[in-house]
Amino acid sequence: MVCLVLFAGLFGPSLTATQPPATKIDADELRHDEQKLVTEFRGNVSLNRGGLSLQGDALELEQLPNSGMKGRVTGQPARFQQKPADSNESVEGQGKTIQYNSQTEIVVIDGEAVLRRLLNGQVVDTVAGDRLVYDQVTQTYRVESTPGQPRTRMTLMPRPAQTPTPPPPSLSRPPTSTPSKP
């Protein structure tokens, strides 16, 4: 097994709080081209970067300027999960291929694409189609199906009813009248 950790700013300025976290990648083997800044990983690939994780059979990763990266994971299926720190909500997806760009924070899932949104570990929404584009910044997604493929499908789970918040005590008292002067 091979493990590669890509540190943000490895050959540049020292790490600061505003720079992205290190990227840790485990795989059975890798091949790296320092001239092109491209690395190919094969076999049981697992990438972790902050709250993002990608898994699959193979990964081609290109390092971009400003500590960015873009990658393409393939698998049967390829998987991704995003769990922001200090949040009880997460998003997970799978498909035949997953593309990720850290600069745009867009995830593209192709081939039997499925995306699930979870709250406290319970599925809240599920969407499926041939191609799914998920924007991590705006938390929006678009699903497409090509002719001859299954149609897009979305399943919304029932949500508990919100109980109305009672008004503050000062607003719930009946109005007081002032005694009239004779």
N, C-alpha and C. Protein backbone atom coordinates (compact mmCIF):
# COMPACT_ATOMS: atom_id res chain seq x y z
N MET A 1 0.85 -1.18 0.00
CA MET A 1 0.00 0.00 0.00
C MET A 1 0.89 1.23 0.00
N VAL A 2 0.47 2.25 -0.73
CA VAL A 2 1.21 3.50 -0.84
C VAL A 2 0.36 4.61 -0.26
N CYS A 3 0.97 5.52 0.44
CA CYS A 3 0.25 6.67 0.99
C CYS A 3 1.00 7.93 0.56
N LEU A 4 0.26 8.90 0.07
CA LEU A 4 0.86 10.16 -0.34
C LEU A 4 0.10 11.28 0.34
N VAL A 5 0.81 12.18 0.96
CA VAL A 5 0.18 13.34 1.57
C VAL A 5 0.68 14.57 0.84
N LEU A 6 -0.25 15.32 0.25
CA LEU A 6 0.09 16.55 -0.46
C LEU A 6 -0.15 17.71 0.50
N PHE A 7 0.89 18.42 0.84
CA PHE A 7 0.74 19.53 1.76
C PHE A 7 0.57 20.81 0.97
N ALA A 8 -0.40 21.61 1.39
CA ALA A 8 -0.62 22.89 0.74
C ALA A 8 0.61 23.75 0.94
N GLY A 9 1.12 24.33 -0.14
CA GLY A 9 2.27 25.22 -0.04
C GLY A 9 3.56 24.51 0.29
N LEU A 10 3.73 23.25 -0.10
CA LEU A 10 4.91 22.47 0.26
C LEU A 10 6.19 23.16 -0.15
N PHE A 11 6.24 23.74 -1.36
CA PHE A 11 7.45 24.40 -1.82
C PHE A 11 7.30 25.92 -1.82
N GLY A 12 6.19 26.41 -1.30
CA GLY A 12 5.94 27.85 -1.29
C GLY A 12 5.98 28.40 0.12
N PRO A 13 5.18 29.44 0.39
CA PRO A 13 5.17 30.06 1.70
C PRO A 13 4.68 29.08 2.76
N SER A 14 4.97 29.40 4.01
CA SER A 14 4.56 28.52 5.09
C SER A 14 3.04 28.49 5.22
N LEU A 15 2.53 27.41 5.80
CA LEU A 15 1.09 27.25 5.96
C LEU A 15 0.50 28.32 6.85
N THR A 16 -0.65 28.81 6.50
CA THR A 16 -1.38 29.76 7.32
C THR A 16 -2.77 29.22 7.53
N ALA A 17 -3.54 29.86 8.39
CA ALA A 17 -4.90 29.41 8.70
C ALA A 17 -5.82 29.48 7.50
N THR A 18 -5.47 30.33 6.49
CA THR A 18 -6.36 30.48 5.34
C THR A 18 -6.05 29.48 4.23
N GLN A 19 -4.96 28.75 4.33
CA GLN A 19 -4.62 27.78 3.30
C GLN A 19 -5.40 26.49 3.52
N PRO A 20 -5.63 25.73 2.45
CA PRO A 20 -6.39 24.49 2.57
C PRO A 20 -5.64 23.44 3.38
N PRO A 21 -6.36 22.45 3.90
CA PRO A 21 -5.71 21.40 4.68
C PRO A 21 -4.91 20.47 3.78
N ALA A 22 -4.08 19.65 4.39
CA ALA A 22 -3.31 18.66 3.64
C ALA A 22 -4.27 17.66 3.00
N THR A 23 -3.83 17.08 1.90
CA THR A 23 -4.59 16.05 1.21
C THR A 23 -3.88 14.73 1.42
N LYS A 24 -4.57 13.74 1.99
CA LYS A 24 -3.98 12.43 2.26
C LYS A 24 -4.61 11.43 1.29
N ILE A 25 -3.75 10.68 0.57
CA ILE A 25 -4.24 9.70 -0.40
C ILE A 25 -3.57 8.36 -0.13
N ASP A 26 -4.38 7.32 0.03
CA ASP A 26 -3.89 5.95 0.17
C ASP A 26 -4.25 5.19 -1.09
N ALA A 27 -3.34 4.32 -1.55
CA ALA A 27 -3.59 3.49 -2.73
C ALA A 27 -2.62 2.32 -2.71
N ASP A 28 -2.90 1.32 -3.55
CA ASP A 28 -1.99 0.19 -3.66
C ASP A 28 -0.73 0.58 -4.43
N GLU A 29 -0.85 1.49 -5.40
CA GLU A 29 0.32 1.94 -6.15
C GLU A 29 0.07 3.34 -6.69
N LEU A 30 1.17 4.03 -7.04
CA LEU A 30 1.06 5.36 -7.65
C LEU A 30 2.18 5.58 -8.63
N ARG A 31 1.94 6.51 -9.55
CA ARG A 31 2.93 6.96 -10.51
C ARG A 31 2.81 8.48 -10.57
N HIS A 32 3.92 9.19 -10.34
CA HIS A 32 3.89 10.65 -10.26
C HIS A 32 4.79 11.26 -11.33
N ASP A 33 4.31 12.32 -11.99
CA ASP A 33 5.08 13.08 -12.97
C ASP A 33 5.27 14.49 -12.41
N GLU A 34 6.45 14.78 -11.90
CA GLU A 34 6.72 16.07 -11.26
C GLU A 34 6.66 17.22 -12.26
N GLN A 35 7.01 16.99 -13.54
CA GLN A 35 6.96 18.05 -14.55
C GLN A 35 5.53 18.50 -14.80
N LYS A 36 4.61 17.54 -14.91
CA LYS A 36 3.21 17.86 -15.19
C LYS A 36 2.38 18.03 -13.92
N LEU A 37 2.95 17.69 -12.78
CA LEU A 37 2.25 17.71 -11.49
C LEU A 37 0.98 16.87 -11.53
N VAL A 38 1.11 15.68 -12.13
CA VAL A 38 0.01 14.74 -12.24
C VAL A 38 0.42 13.43 -11.57
N THR A 39 -0.49 12.88 -10.75
CA THR A 39 -0.23 11.61 -10.09
C THR A 39 -1.38 10.67 -10.39
N GLU A 40 -1.05 9.43 -10.73
CA GLU A 40 -2.06 8.39 -10.96
C GLU A 40 -1.98 7.39 -9.81
N PHE A 41 -3.12 7.10 -9.22
CA PHE A 41 -3.21 6.14 -8.11
C PHE A 41 -4.05 4.96 -8.59
N ARG A 42 -3.68 3.75 -8.18
CA ARG A 42 -4.42 2.55 -8.58
C ARG A 42 -4.62 1.66 -7.37
N GLY A 43 -5.79 1.06 -7.30
CA GLY A 43 -6.11 0.06 -6.29
C GLY A 43 -6.50 0.62 -4.94
N ASN A 44 -7.77 0.40 -4.56
CA ASN A 44 -8.28 0.82 -3.23
C ASN A 44 -7.89 2.25 -2.88
N VAL A 45 -8.21 3.18 -3.75
CA VAL A 45 -7.83 4.58 -3.57
C VAL A 45 -8.76 5.26 -2.58
N SER A 46 -8.17 6.01 -1.66
CA SER A 46 -8.93 6.79 -0.69
C SER A 46 -8.26 8.15 -0.53
N LEU A 47 -9.00 9.23 -0.82
CA LEU A 47 -8.49 10.60 -0.69
C LEU A 47 -9.27 11.28 0.42
N ASN A 48 -8.57 11.97 1.33
CA ASN A 48 -9.20 12.75 2.39
C ASN A 48 -8.57 14.13 2.42
N ARG A 49 -9.42 15.15 2.43
CA ARG A 49 -8.97 16.55 2.48
C ARG A 49 -10.02 17.32 3.26
N GLY A 50 -9.72 17.66 4.49
CA GLY A 50 -10.70 18.35 5.33
C GLY A 50 -11.93 17.48 5.49
N GLY A 51 -13.10 18.00 5.19
CA GLY A 51 -14.35 17.25 5.30
C GLY A 51 -14.72 16.48 4.05
N LEU A 52 -13.83 16.44 3.04
CA LEU A 52 -14.11 15.75 1.78
C LEU A 52 -13.38 14.42 1.75
N SER A 53 -14.08 13.37 1.29
CA SER A 53 -13.42 12.10 1.06
C SER A 53 -13.90 11.51 -0.26
N LEU A 54 -12.96 10.91 -1.01
CA LEU A 54 -13.24 10.25 -2.29
C LEU A 54 -12.66 8.85 -2.23
N GLN A 55 -13.39 7.86 -2.74
CA GLN A 55 -12.89 6.48 -2.80
C GLN A 55 -13.20 5.90 -4.17
N GLY A 56 -12.32 5.00 -4.63
CA GLY A 56 -12.54 4.33 -5.90
C GLY A 56 -11.43 3.36 -6.22
N ASP A 57 -11.47 2.86 -7.45
CA ASP A 57 -10.45 1.92 -7.91
C ASP A 57 -9.21 2.65 -8.45
N ALA A 58 -9.41 3.85 -9.00
CA ALA A 58 -8.30 4.61 -9.58
C ALA A 58 -8.58 6.11 -9.43
N LEU A 59 -7.51 6.89 -9.37
CA LEU A 59 -7.61 8.35 -9.25
C LEU A 59 -6.49 8.96 -10.07
N GLU A 60 -6.84 9.94 -10.91
CA GLU A 60 -5.84 10.77 -11.57
C GLU A 60 -5.97 12.15 -10.96
N LEU A 61 -4.89 12.63 -10.37
CA LEU A 61 -4.91 13.89 -9.63
C LEU A 61 -3.92 14.87 -10.24
N GLU A 62 -4.40 16.08 -10.54
CA GLU A 62 -3.56 17.14 -11.06
C GLU A 62 -3.47 18.25 -10.02
N GLN A 63 -2.24 18.64 -9.68
CA GLN A 63 -2.06 19.74 -8.74
C GLN A 63 -2.16 21.05 -9.50
N LEU A 64 -2.94 21.99 -8.96
CA LEU A 64 -3.18 23.29 -9.60
C LEU A 64 -2.45 24.38 -8.83
N PRO A 65 -2.31 25.56 -9.43
CA PRO A 65 -1.70 26.69 -8.70
C PRO A 65 -2.49 27.00 -7.42
N ASN A 66 -1.84 27.66 -6.50
CA ASN A 66 -2.46 28.09 -5.24
C ASN A 66 -2.98 26.91 -4.42
N SER A 67 -2.23 25.81 -4.43
CA SER A 67 -2.54 24.62 -3.61
C SER A 67 -3.84 23.94 -4.01
N GLY A 68 -4.33 24.22 -5.20
CA GLY A 68 -5.56 23.57 -5.66
C GLY A 68 -5.28 22.21 -6.27
N MET A 69 -6.35 21.48 -6.53
CA MET A 69 -6.23 20.19 -7.18
C MET A 69 -7.51 19.87 -7.92
N LYS A 70 -7.37 19.04 -8.95
CA LYS A 70 -8.56 18.49 -9.57
C LYS A 70 -8.27 17.03 -9.83
N GLY A 71 -9.31 16.24 -9.68
CA GLY A 71 -9.10 14.81 -9.81
C GLY A 71 -10.29 14.12 -10.43
N ARG A 72 -10.02 12.91 -10.92
CA ARG A 72 -11.06 12.07 -11.51
C ARG A 72 -10.92 10.68 -10.90
N VAL A 73 -11.96 10.25 -10.19
CA VAL A 73 -11.98 8.94 -9.54
C VAL A 73 -12.89 8.02 -10.34
N THR A 74 -12.44 6.80 -10.59
CA THR A 74 -13.29 5.80 -11.23
C THR A 74 -13.44 4.62 -10.28
N GLY A 75 -14.56 3.92 -10.39
CA GLY A 75 -14.77 2.77 -9.53
C GLY A 75 -16.08 2.09 -9.81
N GLN A 76 -16.32 1.03 -9.10
CA GLN A 76 -17.55 0.25 -9.25
C GLN A 76 -18.24 0.11 -7.90
N PRO A 77 -18.75 1.14 -7.29
CA PRO A 77 -18.79 2.52 -7.78
C PRO A 77 -17.65 3.36 -7.19
N ALA A 78 -17.48 4.56 -7.75
CA ALA A 78 -16.64 5.58 -7.14
C ALA A 78 -17.55 6.32 -6.15
N ARG A 79 -16.99 6.76 -5.02
CA ARG A 79 -17.81 7.39 -3.96
C ARG A 79 -17.18 8.69 -3.48
N PHE A 80 -18.05 9.58 -2.99
CA PHE A 80 -17.54 10.78 -2.32
C PHE A 80 -18.44 11.09 -1.14
N GLN A 81 -17.88 11.79 -0.17
CA GLN A 81 -18.64 12.26 0.99
C GLN A 81 -18.09 13.62 1.39
N GLN A 82 -19.00 14.52 1.74
CA GLN A 82 -18.62 15.83 2.26
C GLN A 82 -19.33 16.01 3.58
N LYS A 83 -18.54 16.23 4.64
CA LYS A 83 -19.11 16.49 5.96
C LYS A 83 -18.39 17.72 6.52
N PRO A 84 -19.06 18.87 6.43
CA PRO A 84 -18.44 20.09 6.97
C PRO A 84 -18.21 19.96 8.48
N ALA A 85 -17.13 20.57 8.95
CA ALA A 85 -16.82 20.56 10.38
C ALA A 85 -17.96 21.24 11.15
N ASP A 86 -18.21 20.77 12.33
CA ASP A 86 -19.22 21.35 13.21
C ASP A 86 -20.61 21.36 12.57
N SER A 87 -20.95 20.32 11.81
CA SER A 87 -22.26 20.23 11.19
C SER A 87 -22.81 18.83 11.38
N ASN A 88 -24.12 18.72 11.53
CA ASN A 88 -24.75 17.41 11.63
C ASN A 88 -25.33 16.98 10.28
N GLU A 89 -25.00 17.74 9.24
CA GLU A 89 -25.48 17.44 7.89
C GLU A 89 -24.30 17.01 7.03
N SER A 90 -24.54 16.05 6.13
CA SER A 90 -23.49 15.62 5.21
C SER A 90 -24.12 15.27 3.87
N VAL A 91 -23.27 15.17 2.84
CA VAL A 91 -23.71 14.81 1.49
C VAL A 91 -22.81 13.67 1.03
N GLU A 92 -23.41 12.65 0.43
CA GLU A 92 -22.62 11.56 -0.11
C GLU A 92 -23.15 11.20 -1.48
N GLY A 93 -22.27 10.70 -2.32
CA GLY A 93 -22.68 10.35 -3.68
C GLY A 93 -21.85 9.22 -4.22
N GLN A 94 -22.36 8.65 -5.32
CA GLN A 94 -21.63 7.58 -5.98
C GLN A 94 -21.99 7.53 -7.45
N GLY A 95 -21.11 6.95 -8.24
CA GLY A 95 -21.31 6.79 -9.67
C GLY A 95 -20.12 6.05 -10.25
N LYS A 96 -20.07 5.94 -11.56
CA LYS A 96 -18.94 5.27 -12.19
C LYS A 96 -17.69 6.13 -12.19
N THR A 97 -17.88 7.46 -12.35
CA THR A 97 -16.77 8.40 -12.27
C THR A 97 -17.18 9.63 -11.47
N ILE A 98 -16.23 10.16 -10.74
CA ILE A 98 -16.45 11.39 -9.97
C ILE A 98 -15.29 12.33 -10.26
N GLN A 99 -15.62 13.56 -10.66
CA GLN A 99 -14.61 14.58 -10.89
C GLN A 99 -14.76 15.65 -9.81
N TYR A 100 -13.62 16.12 -9.31
CA TYR A 100 -13.64 17.14 -8.26
C TYR A 100 -12.60 18.20 -8.58
N ASN A 101 -12.99 19.48 -8.39
CA ASN A 101 -12.08 20.60 -8.57
C ASN A 101 -12.12 21.42 -7.29
N SER A 102 -10.99 21.50 -6.59
CA SER A 102 -10.96 22.21 -5.30
C SER A 102 -11.10 23.72 -5.46
N GLN A 103 -10.76 24.26 -6.62
CA GLN A 103 -10.87 25.71 -6.81
C GLN A 103 -12.31 26.14 -7.05
N THR A 104 -13.09 25.34 -7.77
CA THR A 104 -14.49 25.68 -8.00
C THR A 104 -15.41 25.00 -6.98
N GLU A 105 -14.88 23.99 -6.29
CA GLU A 105 -15.63 23.18 -5.32
C GLU A 105 -16.88 22.56 -5.96
N ILE A 106 -16.68 22.07 -7.18
CA ILE A 106 -17.77 21.39 -7.89
C ILE A 106 -17.43 19.92 -8.03
N VAL A 107 -18.41 19.08 -7.75
CA VAL A 107 -18.29 17.63 -7.88
C VAL A 107 -19.21 17.21 -9.03
N VAL A 108 -18.68 16.45 -10.00
CA VAL A 108 -19.47 15.94 -11.12
C VAL A 108 -19.46 14.42 -11.03
N ILE A 109 -20.65 13.83 -10.94
CA ILE A 109 -20.78 12.37 -10.86
C ILE A 109 -21.41 11.90 -12.16
N ASP A 110 -20.77 10.94 -12.83
CA ASP A 110 -21.27 10.41 -14.09
C ASP A 110 -21.52 8.91 -13.97
N GLY A 111 -22.54 8.43 -14.71
CA GLY A 111 -22.82 7.00 -14.78
C GLY A 111 -23.53 6.48 -13.54
N GLU A 112 -24.83 6.33 -13.63
CA GLU A 112 -25.64 5.84 -12.50
C GLU A 112 -25.37 6.67 -11.24
N ALA A 113 -25.43 7.98 -11.42
CA ALA A 113 -25.12 8.93 -10.35
C ALA A 113 -26.22 8.98 -9.31
N VAL A 114 -25.81 8.97 -8.04
CA VAL A 114 -26.74 9.08 -6.91
C VAL A 114 -26.14 10.05 -5.91
N LEU A 115 -26.95 10.94 -5.37
CA LEU A 115 -26.53 11.88 -4.34
C LEU A 115 -27.54 11.81 -3.21
N ARG A 116 -27.04 11.71 -1.97
CA ARG A 116 -27.89 11.66 -0.78
C ARG A 116 -27.46 12.77 0.19
N ARG A 117 -28.46 13.43 0.74
CA ARG A 117 -28.21 14.42 1.79
C ARG A 117 -28.66 13.79 3.10
N LEU A 118 -27.80 13.83 4.11
CA LEU A 118 -28.09 13.21 5.39
C LEU A 118 -28.10 14.25 6.50
N LEU A 119 -28.97 14.05 7.47
CA LEU A 119 -29.05 14.89 8.65
C LEU A 119 -28.99 13.95 9.84
N ASN A 120 -27.99 14.12 10.69
CA ASN A 120 -27.77 13.23 11.83
C ASN A 120 -27.69 11.77 11.39
N GLY A 121 -27.09 11.53 10.23
CA GLY A 121 -26.91 10.18 9.73
C GLY A 121 -28.13 9.57 9.05
N GLN A 122 -29.24 10.28 9.00
CA GLN A 122 -30.47 9.79 8.36
C GLN A 122 -30.65 10.47 7.00
N VAL A 123 -31.01 9.67 5.99
CA VAL A 123 -31.20 10.22 4.65
C VAL A 123 -32.39 11.17 4.65
N VAL A 124 -32.16 12.39 4.14
CA VAL A 124 -33.21 13.40 4.05
C VAL A 124 -33.69 13.52 2.61
N ASP A 125 -32.76 13.53 1.65
CA ASP A 125 -33.09 13.64 0.23
C ASP A 125 -32.20 12.68 -0.55
N THR A 126 -32.73 12.14 -1.64
CA THR A 126 -31.95 11.33 -2.57
C THR A 126 -32.30 11.77 -3.98
N VAL A 127 -31.28 11.92 -4.81
CA VAL A 127 -31.51 12.28 -6.21
C VAL A 127 -30.61 11.38 -7.07
N ALA A 128 -31.14 10.96 -8.23
CA ALA A 128 -30.38 10.05 -9.09
C ALA A 128 -30.60 10.40 -10.55
N GLY A 129 -29.61 10.08 -11.38
CA GLY A 129 -29.68 10.31 -12.81
C GLY A 129 -28.41 9.83 -13.46
N ASP A 130 -28.25 10.11 -14.72
CA ASP A 130 -27.05 9.68 -15.45
C ASP A 130 -25.86 10.57 -15.11
N ARG A 131 -26.11 11.87 -14.93
CA ARG A 131 -25.04 12.84 -14.61
C ARG A 131 -25.56 13.80 -13.56
N LEU A 132 -24.73 14.05 -12.55
CA LEU A 132 -25.12 14.93 -11.46
C LEU A 132 -23.99 15.92 -11.20
N VAL A 133 -24.32 17.20 -11.14
CA VAL A 133 -23.34 18.25 -10.86
C VAL A 133 -23.72 18.89 -9.53
N TYR A 134 -22.81 18.80 -8.55
CA TYR A 134 -23.07 19.31 -7.20
C TYR A 134 -22.08 20.43 -6.89
N ASP A 135 -22.61 21.61 -6.53
CA ASP A 135 -21.81 22.77 -6.16
C ASP A 135 -21.75 22.82 -4.64
N GLN A 136 -20.56 22.58 -4.09
CA GLN A 136 -20.42 22.53 -2.63
C GLN A 136 -20.60 23.90 -1.99
N VAL A 137 -20.27 24.96 -2.70
CA VAL A 137 -20.37 26.31 -2.13
C VAL A 137 -21.84 26.70 -1.96
N THR A 138 -22.63 26.56 -3.02
CA THR A 138 -24.03 26.97 -2.96
C THR A 138 -24.95 25.84 -2.50
N GLN A 139 -24.41 24.62 -2.35
CA GLN A 139 -25.17 23.44 -1.97
C GLN A 139 -26.37 23.23 -2.90
N THR A 140 -26.10 23.37 -4.19
CA THR A 140 -27.13 23.13 -5.20
C THR A 140 -26.64 22.02 -6.13
N TYR A 141 -27.59 21.37 -6.78
CA TYR A 141 -27.21 20.34 -7.74
C TYR A 141 -28.15 20.34 -8.91
N ARG A 142 -27.62 19.79 -10.01
CA ARG A 142 -28.36 19.66 -11.26
C ARG A 142 -28.21 18.21 -11.71
N VAL A 143 -29.29 17.59 -12.15
CA VAL A 143 -29.26 16.20 -12.57
C VAL A 143 -29.73 16.11 -14.01
N GLU A 144 -29.01 15.33 -14.81
CA GLU A 144 -29.35 15.15 -16.21
C GLU A 144 -29.40 13.66 -16.53
N SER A 145 -30.24 13.30 -17.47
CA SER A 145 -30.26 11.94 -17.99
C SER A 145 -30.15 12.01 -19.49
N THR A 146 -29.38 11.11 -20.06
CA THR A 146 -29.24 11.05 -21.50
C THR A 146 -30.32 10.14 -22.08
N PRO A 147 -30.72 10.36 -23.32
CA PRO A 147 -31.75 9.50 -23.93
C PRO A 147 -31.35 8.03 -23.84
N GLY A 148 -32.32 7.20 -23.49
CA GLY A 148 -32.07 5.77 -23.36
C GLY A 148 -31.65 5.36 -21.96
N GLN A 149 -31.35 6.34 -21.10
CA GLN A 149 -30.97 6.04 -19.71
C GLN A 149 -32.18 6.27 -18.81
N PRO A 150 -32.15 5.71 -17.59
CA PRO A 150 -33.27 5.98 -16.69
C PRO A 150 -33.46 7.47 -16.46
N ARG A 151 -34.70 7.88 -16.24
CA ARG A 151 -35.01 9.29 -15.99
C ARG A 151 -34.42 9.72 -14.66
N THR A 152 -34.33 11.04 -14.46
CA THR A 152 -33.87 11.55 -13.17
C THR A 152 -34.95 11.27 -12.14
N ARG A 153 -34.54 11.10 -10.91
CA ARG A 153 -35.49 10.79 -9.85
C ARG A 153 -35.03 11.47 -8.56
N MET A 154 -35.99 12.02 -7.82
CA MET A 154 -35.70 12.63 -6.53
C MET A 154 -36.68 12.08 -5.51
N THR A 155 -36.17 11.73 -4.34
CA THR A 155 -37.00 11.26 -3.24
C THR A 155 -36.78 12.21 -2.07
N LEU A 156 -37.86 12.82 -1.62
CA LEU A 156 -37.82 13.71 -0.46
C LEU A 156 -38.45 12.98 0.71
N MET A 157 -37.71 12.84 1.78
CA MET A 157 -38.23 12.17 2.96
C MET A 157 -39.10 13.14 3.75
N PRO A 158 -40.17 12.62 4.39
CA PRO A 158 -41.01 13.50 5.22
C PRO A 158 -40.18 14.14 6.32
N ARG A 159 -40.47 15.37 6.59
CA ARG A 159 -39.76 16.08 7.65
C ARG A 159 -40.72 16.31 8.81
N PRO A 160 -40.20 16.28 10.02
CA PRO A 160 -41.08 16.52 11.16
C PRO A 160 -41.68 17.92 11.10
N ALA A 161 -42.92 18.03 11.56
CA ALA A 161 -43.59 19.33 11.56
C ALA A 161 -42.88 20.27 12.52
N GLN A 162 -42.80 21.49 12.12
CA GLN A 162 -42.21 22.52 12.98
C GLN A 162 -43.30 23.04 13.90
N THR A 163 -43.05 23.02 15.19
CA THR A 163 -44.03 23.57 16.12
C THR A 163 -43.80 25.06 16.21
N PRO A 164 -44.90 25.83 16.14
CA PRO A 164 -44.73 27.29 16.19
C PRO A 164 -44.17 27.71 17.54
N THR A 165 -43.34 28.72 17.49
CA THR A 165 -42.76 29.25 18.71
C THR A 165 -43.75 30.21 19.35
N PRO A 166 -44.07 29.98 20.64
CA PRO A 166 -45.02 30.90 21.29
C PRO A 166 -44.41 32.29 21.40
N PRO A 167 -45.25 33.31 21.37
CA PRO A 167 -44.72 34.67 21.48
C PRO A 167 -44.13 34.87 22.87
N PRO A 168 -43.21 35.82 23.01
CA PRO A 168 -42.64 36.10 24.32
C PRO A 168 -43.75 36.51 25.29
N PRO A 169 -43.56 36.23 26.59
CA PRO A 169 -44.61 36.54 27.59
C PRO A 169 -45.08 37.98 27.56
N SER A 170 -44.20 38.92 27.30
CA SER A 170 -44.61 40.33 27.31
C SER A 170 -45.62 40.63 26.20
N LEU A 171 -45.60 39.85 25.11
CA LEU A 171 -46.53 40.10 24.01
C LEU A 171 -47.84 39.32 24.16
N SER A 172 -47.86 38.32 25.03
CA SER A 172 -49.06 37.49 25.15
C SER A 172 -50.01 37.97 26.24
N ARG A 173 -49.64 39.00 26.99
CA ARG A 173 -50.55 39.52 28.02
C ARG A 173 -51.62 40.39 27.39
N PRO A 174 -52.83 40.32 27.94
CA PRO A 174 -53.87 41.20 27.40
C PRO A 174 -53.52 42.66 27.68
N PRO A 175 -53.96 43.55 26.82
CA PRO A 175 -53.64 44.96 27.06
C PRO A 175 -54.27 45.42 28.36
N THR A 176 -53.56 46.26 29.07
CA THR A 176 -54.09 46.83 30.31
C THR A 176 -54.71 48.17 30.02
N SER A 177 -55.79 48.43 30.70
CA SER A 177 -56.42 49.73 30.50
C SER A 177 -56.08 50.63 31.66
N THR A 178 -55.99 51.89 31.37
CA THR A 178 -55.69 52.86 32.43
C THR A 178 -57.02 53.39 32.92
N PRO A 179 -57.14 53.51 34.24
CA PRO A 179 -58.43 54.04 34.76
C PRO A 179 -58.69 55.44 34.23
N SER A 180 -59.93 55.66 33.86
CA SER A 180 -60.29 56.98 33.35
C SER A 180 -60.52 57.93 34.52
N LYS A 181 -60.20 59.17 34.31
CA LYS A 181 -60.37 60.19 35.35
C LYS A 181 -61.73 60.83 35.22
N PRO A 182 -62.44 60.95 36.37
CA PRO A 182 -63.76 61.56 36.29
C PRO A 182 -63.76 63.03 36.05
